[in-house]
Amino acid sequence: GPRSANMEMVFFNGYSGVPPPQGHYFTLTPVILSPKS
């Protein structure tokens, strides 16, 4: 319904997963919360 999300944004203050050996990162991860699959 209208108070339920279709998608989500997850924020990481860095590289999600194993980071590269150098550099600094920001990860924005969209998630589909109401899938039909």
PDB file of all heavy atoms in Angstrom:
ATOM      1  N   GLY A   1       0.818  -1.205   0.000  1.00  0.00           N
ATOM      2  CA  GLY A   1       0.000   0.000   0.000  1.00  0.00           C
ATOM      3  C   GLY A   1       0.849   1.250   0.000  1.00  0.00           C
ATOM      4  O   GLY A   1       2.086   1.190  -0.036  1.00  0.00           O
ATOM      5  N   PRO A   2       0.227   2.414   0.088  1.00  0.00           N
ATOM      6  CA  PRO A   2       0.946   3.684  -0.066  1.00  0.00           C
ATOM      7  C   PRO A   2       1.918   4.007   1.051  1.00  0.00           C
ATOM      8  O   PRO A   2       2.769   4.887   0.886  1.00  0.00           O
ATOM      9  CB  PRO A   2      -0.187   4.725  -0.121  1.00  0.00           C
ATOM     10  CG  PRO A   2      -1.353   4.077   0.554  1.00  0.00           C
ATOM     11  CD  PRO A   2      -1.234   2.618   0.238  1.00  0.00           C
ATOM     12  N   ARG A   3       1.826   3.334   2.188  1.00  0.00           N
ATOM     13  CA  ARG A   3       2.779   3.570   3.286  1.00  0.00           C
ATOM     14  C   ARG A   3       3.915   2.553   3.277  1.00  0.00           C
ATOM     15  O   ARG A   3       4.738   2.520   4.189  1.00  0.00           O
ATOM     16  CB  ARG A   3       2.041   3.549   4.622  1.00  0.00           C
ATOM     17  CG  ARG A   3       1.198   4.791   4.865  1.00  0.00           C
ATOM     18  CD  ARG A   3       0.120   4.588   5.894  1.00  0.00           C
ATOM     19  NE  ARG A   3      -0.930   3.712   5.372  1.00  0.00           N
ATOM     20  CZ  ARG A   3      -2.210   3.767   5.744  1.00  0.00           C
ATOM     21  NH1 ARG A   3      -2.585   4.652   6.657  1.00  0.00           N
ATOM     22  NH2 ARG A   3      -3.098   2.937   5.237  1.00  0.00           N
ATOM     23  N   SER A   4       3.950   1.713   2.244  1.00  0.00           N
ATOM     24  CA  SER A   4       5.015   0.718   2.084  1.00  0.00           C
ATOM     25  C   SER A   4       5.944   1.138   0.953  1.00  0.00           C
ATOM     26  O   SER A   4       5.492   1.673  -0.064  1.00  0.00           O
ATOM     27  CB  SER A   4       4.429  -0.660   1.766  1.00  0.00           C
ATOM     28  OG  SER A   4       3.756  -1.197   2.872  1.00  0.00           O
ATOM     29  N   ALA A   5       7.209   0.862   1.120  1.00  0.00           N
ATOM     30  CA  ALA A   5       8.203   1.244   0.116  1.00  0.00           C
ATOM     31  C   ALA A   5       8.271   0.214  -1.007  1.00  0.00           C
ATOM     32  O   ALA A   5       8.063  -0.977  -0.787  1.00  0.00           O
ATOM     33  CB  ALA A   5       9.573   1.393   0.771  1.00  0.00           C
ATOM     34  N   ASN A   6       8.580   0.716  -2.203  1.00  0.00           N
ATOM     35  CA  ASN A   6       8.921  -0.169  -3.313  1.00  0.00           C
ATOM     36  C   ASN A   6      10.415  -0.441  -3.362  1.00  0.00           C
ATOM     37  O   ASN A   6      10.845  -1.466  -3.895  1.00  0.00           O
ATOM     38  CB  ASN A   6       8.508   0.435  -4.651  1.00  0.00           C
ATOM     39  CG  ASN A   6       7.015   0.646  -4.773  1.00  0.00           C
ATOM     40  OD1 ASN A   6       6.561   1.800  -4.849  1.00  0.00           O
ATOM     41  ND2 ASN A   6       6.243  -0.431  -4.787  1.00  0.00           N
ATOM     42  N   MET A   7      11.203   0.501  -2.832  1.00  0.00           N
ATOM     43  CA  MET A   7      12.654   0.343  -2.888  1.00  0.00           C
ATOM     44  C   MET A   7      13.300   1.045  -1.700  1.00  0.00           C
ATOM     45  O   MET A   7      12.683   1.856  -1.011  1.00  0.00           O
ATOM     46  CB  MET A   7      13.203   0.869  -4.213  1.00  0.00           C
ATOM     47  CG  MET A   7      12.877   2.313  -4.502  1.00  0.00           C
ATOM     48  SD  MET A   7      13.395   2.743  -6.175  1.00  0.00           S
ATOM     49  CE  MET A   7      12.903   4.466  -6.230  1.00  0.00           C
ATOM     50  N   GLU A   8      14.548   0.702  -1.525  1.00  0.00           N
ATOM     51  CA  GLU A   8      15.317   1.170  -0.370  1.00  0.00           C
ATOM     52  C   GLU A   8      16.693   1.600  -0.849  1.00  0.00           C
ATOM     53  O   GLU A   8      17.242   1.031  -1.795  1.00  0.00           O
ATOM     54  CB  GLU A   8      15.434   0.019   0.627  1.00  0.00           C
ATOM     55  CG  GLU A   8      16.376   0.211   1.789  1.00  0.00           C
ATOM     56  CD  GLU A   8      16.551  -1.072   2.597  1.00  0.00           C
ATOM     57  OE1 GLU A   8      16.197  -2.159   2.089  1.00  0.00           O
ATOM     58  OE2 GLU A   8      17.044  -0.985   3.733  1.00  0.00           O
ATOM     59  N   MET A   9      17.254   2.608  -0.198  1.00  0.00           N
ATOM     60  CA  MET A   9      18.646   2.983  -0.424  1.00  0.00           C
ATOM     61  C   MET A   9      19.436   2.712   0.848  1.00  0.00           C
ATOM     62  O   MET A   9      19.081   3.201   1.923  1.00  0.00           O
ATOM     63  CB  MET A   9      18.768   4.453  -0.824  1.00  0.00           C
ATOM     64  CG  MET A   9      18.227   4.772  -2.198  1.00  0.00           C
ATOM     65  SD  MET A   9      18.600   6.467  -2.699  1.00  0.00           S
ATOM     66  CE  MET A   9      17.673   6.565  -4.227  1.00  0.00           C
ATOM     67  N   VAL A  10      20.493   1.932   0.709  1.00  0.00           N
ATOM     68  CA  VAL A  10      21.371   1.595   1.824  1.00  0.00           C
ATOM     69  C   VAL A  10      22.679   2.349   1.628  1.00  0.00           C
ATOM     70  O   VAL A  10      23.265   2.306   0.537  1.00  0.00           O
ATOM     71  CB  VAL A  10      21.640   0.078   1.893  1.00  0.00           C
ATOM     72  CG1 VAL A  10      22.492  -0.265   3.111  1.00  0.00           C
ATOM     73  CG2 VAL A  10      20.326  -0.699   1.915  1.00  0.00           C
ATOM     74  N   PHE A  11      23.157   3.027   2.663  1.00  0.00           N
ATOM     75  CA  PHE A  11      24.341   3.869   2.562  1.00  0.00           C
ATOM     76  C   PHE A  11      25.498   3.282   3.367  1.00  0.00           C
ATOM     77  O   PHE A  11      25.339   2.917   4.531  1.00  0.00           O
ATOM     78  CB  PHE A  11      24.030   5.278   3.086  1.00  0.00           C
ATOM     79  CG  PHE A  11      22.880   5.943   2.385  1.00  0.00           C
ATOM     80  CD1 PHE A  11      21.615   5.958   2.954  1.00  0.00           C
ATOM     81  CD2 PHE A  11      23.055   6.552   1.156  1.00  0.00           C
ATOM     82  CE1 PHE A  11      20.550   6.565   2.321  1.00  0.00           C
ATOM     83  CE2 PHE A  11      21.992   7.167   0.500  1.00  0.00           C
ATOM     84  CZ  PHE A  11      20.733   7.174   1.081  1.00  0.00           C
ATOM     85  N   PHE A  12      26.658   3.220   2.725  1.00  0.00           N
ATOM     86  CA  PHE A  12      27.879   2.767   3.391  1.00  0.00           C
ATOM     87  C   PHE A  12      28.933   3.858   3.282  1.00  0.00           C
ATOM     88  O   PHE A  12      29.217   4.349   2.173  1.00  0.00           O
ATOM     89  CB  PHE A  12      28.423   1.489   2.742  1.00  0.00           C
ATOM     90  CG  PHE A  12      27.535   0.285   2.882  1.00  0.00           C
ATOM     91  CD1 PHE A  12      26.590  -0.004   1.914  1.00  0.00           C
ATOM     92  CD2 PHE A  12      27.646  -0.556   3.978  1.00  0.00           C
ATOM     93  CE1 PHE A  12      25.771  -1.112   2.026  1.00  0.00           C
ATOM     94  CE2 PHE A  12      26.834  -1.661   4.104  1.00  0.00           C
ATOM     95  CZ  PHE A  12      25.892  -1.950   3.121  1.00  0.00           C
ATOM     96  N   ASN A  13      29.533   4.192   4.408  1.00  0.00           N
ATOM     97  CA  ASN A  13      30.591   5.205   4.430  1.00  0.00           C
ATOM     98  C   ASN A  13      31.929   4.558   4.047  1.00  0.00           C
ATOM     99  O   ASN A  13      32.910   4.598   4.783  1.00  0.00           O
ATOM    100  CB  ASN A  13      30.691   5.837   5.825  1.00  0.00           C
ATOM    101  CG  ASN A  13      31.678   6.995   5.864  1.00  0.00           C
ATOM    102  OD1 ASN A  13      31.836   7.718   4.896  1.00  0.00           O
ATOM    103  ND2 ASN A  13      32.364   7.142   6.984  1.00  0.00           N
ATOM    104  N   GLY A  14      31.938   3.922   2.885  1.00  0.00           N
ATOM    105  CA  GLY A  14      33.117   3.226   2.411  1.00  0.00           C
ATOM    106  C   GLY A  14      32.732   2.262   1.309  1.00  0.00           C
ATOM    107  O   GLY A  14      31.603   2.263   0.814  1.00  0.00           O
ATOM    108  N   TYR A  15      33.662   1.414   0.941  1.00  0.00           N
ATOM    109  CA  TYR A  15      33.464   0.419  -0.108  1.00  0.00           C
ATOM    110  C   TYR A  15      32.821  -0.818   0.514  1.00  0.00           C
ATOM    111  O   TYR A  15      33.404  -1.465   1.379  1.00  0.00           O
ATOM    112  CB  TYR A  15      34.816   0.060  -0.718  1.00  0.00           C
ATOM    113  CG  TYR A  15      34.764  -0.763  -1.981  1.00  0.00           C
ATOM    114  CD1 TYR A  15      34.915  -0.157  -3.222  1.00  0.00           C
ATOM    115  CD2 TYR A  15      34.584  -2.140  -1.934  1.00  0.00           C
ATOM    116  CE1 TYR A  15      34.886  -0.911  -4.392  1.00  0.00           C
ATOM    117  CE2 TYR A  15      34.547  -2.891  -3.095  1.00  0.00           C
ATOM    118  CZ  TYR A  15      34.696  -2.274  -4.316  1.00  0.00           C
ATOM    119  OH  TYR A  15      34.674  -3.024  -5.465  1.00  0.00           O
ATOM    120  N   SER A  16      31.599  -1.139   0.104  1.00  0.00           N
ATOM    121  CA  SER A  16      30.954  -2.333   0.649  1.00  0.00           C
ATOM    122  C   SER A  16      31.639  -3.555   0.070  1.00  0.00           C
ATOM    123  O   SER A  16      31.800  -3.696  -1.136  1.00  0.00           O
ATOM    124  CB  SER A  16      29.462  -2.350   0.298  1.00  0.00           C
ATOM    125  OG  SER A  16      29.270  -2.410  -1.099  1.00  0.00           O
ATOM    126  N   GLY A  17      32.066  -4.462   0.934  1.00  0.00           N
ATOM    127  CA  GLY A  17      32.852  -5.607   0.494  1.00  0.00           C
ATOM    128  C   GLY A  17      34.327  -5.355   0.735  1.00  0.00           C
ATOM    129  O   GLY A  17      34.719  -4.469   1.513  1.00  0.00           O
ATOM    130  N   VAL A  18      35.170  -6.126   0.071  1.00  0.00           N
ATOM    131  CA  VAL A  18      36.627  -5.976   0.225  1.00  0.00           C
ATOM    132  C   VAL A  18      37.084  -4.758  -0.564  1.00  0.00           C
ATOM    133  O   VAL A  18      36.928  -4.717  -1.791  1.00  0.00           O
ATOM    134  CB  VAL A  18      37.368  -7.240  -0.268  1.00  0.00           C
ATOM    135  CG1 VAL A  18      38.869  -7.068  -0.102  1.00  0.00           C
ATOM    136  CG2 VAL A  18      36.876  -8.475   0.490  1.00  0.00           C
ATOM    137  N   PRO A  19      37.656  -3.745   0.091  1.00  0.00           N
ATOM    138  CA  PRO A  19      37.990  -2.507  -0.625  1.00  0.00           C
ATOM    139  C   PRO A  19      39.237  -2.674  -1.484  1.00  0.00           C
ATOM    140  O   PRO A  19      40.095  -3.524  -1.209  1.00  0.00           O
ATOM    141  CB  PRO A  19      38.247  -1.521   0.512  1.00  0.00           C
ATOM    142  CG  PRO A  19      38.752  -2.371   1.640  1.00  0.00           C
ATOM    143  CD  PRO A  19      37.991  -3.673   1.522  1.00  0.00           C
ATOM    144  N   PRO A  20      39.365  -1.873  -2.539  1.00  0.00           N
ATOM    145  CA  PRO A  20      40.629  -1.826  -3.290  1.00  0.00           C
ATOM    146  C   PRO A  20      41.769  -1.410  -2.358  1.00  0.00           C
ATOM    147  O   PRO A  20      41.536  -0.832  -1.291  1.00  0.00           O
ATOM    148  CB  PRO A  20      40.359  -0.765  -4.361  1.00  0.00           C
ATOM    149  CG  PRO A  20      38.862  -0.694  -4.464  1.00  0.00           C
ATOM    150  CD  PRO A  20      38.354  -0.983  -3.086  1.00  0.00           C
ATOM    151  N   PRO A  21      43.003  -1.692  -2.747  1.00  0.00           N
ATOM    152  CA  PRO A  21      44.133  -1.397  -1.838  1.00  0.00           C
ATOM    153  C   PRO A  21      44.335   0.086  -1.562  1.00  0.00           C
ATOM    154  O   PRO A  21      44.979   0.444  -0.575  1.00  0.00           O
ATOM    155  CB  PRO A  21      45.339  -1.988  -2.576  1.00  0.00           C
ATOM    156  CG  PRO A  21      44.906  -2.158  -3.990  1.00  0.00           C
ATOM    157  CD  PRO A  21      43.438  -2.393  -3.960  1.00  0.00           C
ATOM    158  N   GLN A  22      43.802   0.945  -2.411  1.00  0.00           N
ATOM    159  CA  GLN A  22      43.960   2.383  -2.200  1.00  0.00           C
ATOM    160  C   GLN A  22      42.650   3.093  -2.481  1.00  0.00           C
ATOM    161  O   GLN A  22      41.748   2.557  -3.123  1.00  0.00           O
ATOM    162  CB  GLN A  22      45.058   2.953  -3.117  1.00  0.00           C
ATOM    163  CG  GLN A  22      46.450   2.422  -2.817  1.00  0.00           C
ATOM    164  CD  GLN A  22      47.488   3.012  -3.758  1.00  0.00           C
ATOM    165  OE1 GLN A  22      47.186   3.359  -4.893  1.00  0.00           O
ATOM    166  NE2 GLN A  22      48.726   3.134  -3.271  1.00  0.00           N
ATOM    167  N   GLY A  23      42.543   4.315  -1.981  1.00  0.00           N
ATOM    168  CA  GLY A  23      41.382   5.134  -2.266  1.00  0.00           C
ATOM    169  C   GLY A  23      40.333   5.085  -1.165  1.00  0.00           C
ATOM    170  O   GLY A  23      40.384   4.249  -0.257  1.00  0.00           O
ATOM    171  N   HIS A  24      39.388   6.006  -1.267  1.00  0.00           N
ATOM    172  CA  HIS A  24      38.280   6.085  -0.316  1.00  0.00           C
ATOM    173  C   HIS A  24      36.978   6.165  -1.093  1.00  0.00           C
ATOM    174  O   HIS A  24      36.916   6.793  -2.155  1.00  0.00           O
ATOM    175  CB  HIS A  24      38.445   7.286   0.620  1.00  0.00           C
ATOM    176  CG  HIS A  24      39.640   7.149   1.516  1.00  0.00           C
ATOM    177  ND1 HIS A  24      40.895   7.555   1.136  1.00  0.00           N
ATOM    178  CD2 HIS A  24      39.771   6.616   2.766  1.00  0.00           C
ATOM    179  CE1 HIS A  24      41.761   7.290   2.118  1.00  0.00           C
ATOM    180  NE2 HIS A  24      41.101   6.727   3.117  1.00  0.00           N
ATOM    181  N   TYR A  25      35.933   5.547  -0.522  1.00  0.00           N
ATOM    182  CA  TYR A  25      34.739   5.279  -1.313  1.00  0.00           C
ATOM    183  C   TYR A  25      33.454   5.543  -0.521  1.00  0.00           C
ATOM    184  O   TYR A  25      33.450   5.618   0.710  1.00  0.00           O
ATOM    185  CB  TYR A  25      34.752   3.815  -1.795  1.00  0.00           C
ATOM    186  CG  TYR A  25      35.992   3.486  -2.581  1.00  0.00           C
ATOM    187  CD1 TYR A  25      37.141   3.023  -1.939  1.00  0.00           C
ATOM    188  CD2 TYR A  25      36.031   3.677  -3.954  1.00  0.00           C
ATOM    189  CE1 TYR A  25      38.299   2.756  -2.647  1.00  0.00           C
ATOM    190  CE2 TYR A  25      37.186   3.406  -4.679  1.00  0.00           C
ATOM    191  CZ  TYR A  25      38.319   2.952  -4.020  1.00  0.00           C
ATOM    192  OH  TYR A  25      39.470   2.696  -4.733  1.00  0.00           O
ATOM    193  N   PHE A  26      32.389   5.674  -1.287  1.00  0.00           N
ATOM    194  CA  PHE A  26      31.029   5.753  -0.765  1.00  0.00           C
ATOM    195  C   PHE A  26      30.195   4.772  -1.577  1.00  0.00           C
ATOM    196  O   PHE A  26      30.318   4.711  -2.807  1.00  0.00           O
ATOM    197  CB  PHE A  26      30.487   7.182  -0.915  1.00  0.00           C
ATOM    198  CG  PHE A  26      29.004   7.332  -0.709  1.00  0.00           C
ATOM    199  CD1 PHE A  26      28.436   7.165   0.550  1.00  0.00           C
ATOM    200  CD2 PHE A  26      28.165   7.667  -1.766  1.00  0.00           C
ATOM    201  CE1 PHE A  26      27.074   7.318   0.743  1.00  0.00           C
ATOM    202  CE2 PHE A  26      26.802   7.824  -1.582  1.00  0.00           C
ATOM    203  CZ  PHE A  26      26.255   7.648  -0.320  1.00  0.00           C
ATOM    204  N   THR A  27      29.385   3.975  -0.890  1.00  0.00           N
ATOM    205  CA  THR A  27      28.547   3.002  -1.581  1.00  0.00           C
ATOM    206  C   THR A  27      27.084   3.309  -1.321  1.00  0.00           C
ATOM    207  O   THR A  27      26.661   3.446  -0.170  1.00  0.00           O
ATOM    208  CB  THR A  27      28.846   1.565  -1.108  1.00  0.00           C
ATOM    209  OG1 THR A  27      30.237   1.281  -1.277  1.00  0.00           O
ATOM    210  CG2 THR A  27      28.052   0.559  -1.936  1.00  0.00           C
ATOM    211  N   LEU A  28      26.335   3.428  -2.400  1.00  0.00           N
ATOM    212  CA  LEU A  28      24.891   3.600  -2.322  1.00  0.00           C
ATOM    213  C   LEU A  28      24.281   2.368  -2.982  1.00  0.00           C
ATOM    214  O   LEU A  28      24.511   2.111  -4.162  1.00  0.00           O
ATOM    215  CB  LEU A  28      24.462   4.885  -3.035  1.00  0.00           C
ATOM    216  CG  LEU A  28      23.074   5.446  -2.701  1.00  0.00           C
ATOM    217  CD1 LEU A  28      22.937   6.882  -3.189  1.00  0.00           C
ATOM    218  CD2 LEU A  28      21.965   4.599  -3.302  1.00  0.00           C
ATOM    219  N   THR A  29      23.518   1.603  -2.206  1.00  0.00           N
ATOM    220  CA  THR A  29      22.992   0.323  -2.678  1.00  0.00           C
ATOM    221  C   THR A  29      21.474   0.369  -2.763  1.00  0.00           C
ATOM    222  O   THR A  29      20.792   0.321  -1.735  1.00  0.00           O
ATOM    223  CB  THR A  29      23.433  -0.816  -1.746  1.00  0.00           C
ATOM    224  OG1 THR A  29      24.856  -0.884  -1.729  1.00  0.00           O
ATOM    225  CG2 THR A  29      22.859  -2.151  -2.199  1.00  0.00           C
ATOM    226  N   PRO A  30      20.915   0.467  -3.972  1.00  0.00           N
ATOM    227  CA  PRO A  30      19.462   0.354  -4.106  1.00  0.00           C
ATOM    228  C   PRO A  30      19.010  -1.097  -3.919  1.00  0.00           C
ATOM    229  O   PRO A  30      19.699  -2.041  -4.322  1.00  0.00           O
ATOM    230  CB  PRO A  30      19.190   0.817  -5.545  1.00  0.00           C
ATOM    231  CG  PRO A  30      20.441   1.485  -6.005  1.00  0.00           C
ATOM    232  CD  PRO A  30      21.547   0.845  -5.247  1.00  0.00           C
ATOM    233  N   VAL A  31      17.837  -1.255  -3.298  1.00  0.00           N
ATOM    234  CA  VAL A  31      17.238  -2.567  -3.051  1.00  0.00           C
ATOM    235  C   VAL A  31      15.779  -2.504  -3.500  1.00  0.00           C
ATOM    236  O   VAL A  31      15.078  -1.550  -3.169  1.00  0.00           O
ATOM    237  CB  VAL A  31      17.300  -2.939  -1.554  1.00  0.00           C
ATOM    238  CG1 VAL A  31      16.695  -4.317  -1.314  1.00  0.00           C
ATOM    239  CG2 VAL A  31      18.732  -2.873  -1.036  1.00  0.00           C
ATOM    240  N   ILE A  32      15.316  -3.509  -4.241  1.00  0.00           N
ATOM    241  CA  ILE A  32      13.914  -3.575  -4.630  1.00  0.00           C
ATOM    242  C   ILE A  32      13.162  -4.327  -3.545  1.00  0.00           C
ATOM    243  O   ILE A  32      13.398  -5.517  -3.319  1.00  0.00           O
ATOM    244  CB  ILE A  32      13.741  -4.264  -6.002  1.00  0.00           C
ATOM    245  CG1 ILE A  32      14.600  -3.557  -7.053  1.00  0.00           C
ATOM    246  CG2 ILE A  32      12.272  -4.281  -6.405  1.00  0.00           C
ATOM    247  CD1 ILE A  32      14.360  -2.068  -7.167  1.00  0.00           C
ATOM    248  N   LEU A  33      12.251  -3.631  -2.871  1.00  0.00           N
ATOM    249  CA  LEU A  33      11.565  -4.182  -1.699  1.00  0.00           C
ATOM    250  C   LEU A  33      10.233  -4.842  -2.032  1.00  0.00           C
ATOM    251  O   LEU A  33       9.703  -5.601  -1.211  1.00  0.00           O
ATOM    252  CB  LEU A  33      11.332  -3.084  -0.663  1.00  0.00           C
ATOM    253  CG  LEU A  33      12.585  -2.489  -0.015  1.00  0.00           C
ATOM    254  CD1 LEU A  33      12.190  -1.390   0.957  1.00  0.00           C
ATOM    255  CD2 LEU A  33      13.401  -3.552   0.694  1.00  0.00           C
ATOM    256  N   SER A  34       9.677  -4.542  -3.201  1.00  0.00           N
ATOM    257  CA  SER A  34       8.407  -5.164  -3.594  1.00  0.00           C
ATOM    258  C   SER A  34       8.586  -5.868  -4.940  1.00  0.00           C
ATOM    259  O   SER A  34       7.968  -5.488  -5.933  1.00  0.00           O
ATOM    260  CB  SER A  34       7.298  -4.105  -3.679  1.00  0.00           C
ATOM    261  OG  SER A  34       7.628  -3.120  -4.656  1.00  0.00           O
ATOM    262  N   PRO A  35       9.434  -6.887  -4.984  1.00  0.00           N
ATOM    263  CA  PRO A  35       9.717  -7.545  -6.264  1.00  0.00           C
ATOM    264  C   PRO A  35       8.540  -8.386  -6.740  1.00  0.00           C
ATOM    265  O   PRO A  35       7.724  -8.863  -5.946  1.00  0.00           O
ATOM    266  CB  PRO A  35      10.918  -8.427  -5.924  1.00  0.00           C
ATOM    267  CG  PRO A  35      10.736  -8.770  -4.479  1.00  0.00           C
ATOM    268  CD  PRO A  35      10.140  -7.523  -3.863  1.00  0.00           C
ATOM    269  N   LYS A  36       8.490  -8.578  -8.050  1.00  0.00           N
ATOM    270  CA  LYS A  36       7.536  -9.523  -8.618  1.00  0.00           C
ATOM    271  C   LYS A  36       8.200 -10.858  -8.942  1.00  0.00           C
ATOM    272  O   LYS A  36       7.516 -11.852  -9.162  1.00  0.00           O
ATOM    273  CB  LYS A  36       6.886  -8.941  -9.874  1.00  0.00           C
ATOM    274  CG  LYS A  36       5.941  -7.784  -9.596  1.00  0.00           C
ATOM    275  CD  LYS A  36       5.120  -7.405 -10.825  1.00  0.00           C
ATOM    276  CE  LYS A  36       4.114  -6.312 -10.512  1.00  0.00           C
ATOM    277  NZ  LYS A  36       3.266  -5.947 -11.677  1.00  0.00           N
ATOM    278  N   SER A  37       9.509 -10.886  -8.986  1.00  0.00           N
ATOM    279  CA  SER A  37      10.236 -12.133  -9.228  1.00  0.00           C
ATOM    280  C   SER A  37      10.164 -13.020  -7.989  1.00  0.00           C
ATOM    281  O   SER A  37      10.192 -12.525  -6.860  1.00  0.00           O
ATOM    282  CB  SER A  37      11.710 -11.851  -9.542  1.00  0.00           C
ATOM    283  OG  SER A  37      11.847 -10.997 -10.663  1.00  0.00           O
TER     284      SER A  37
END
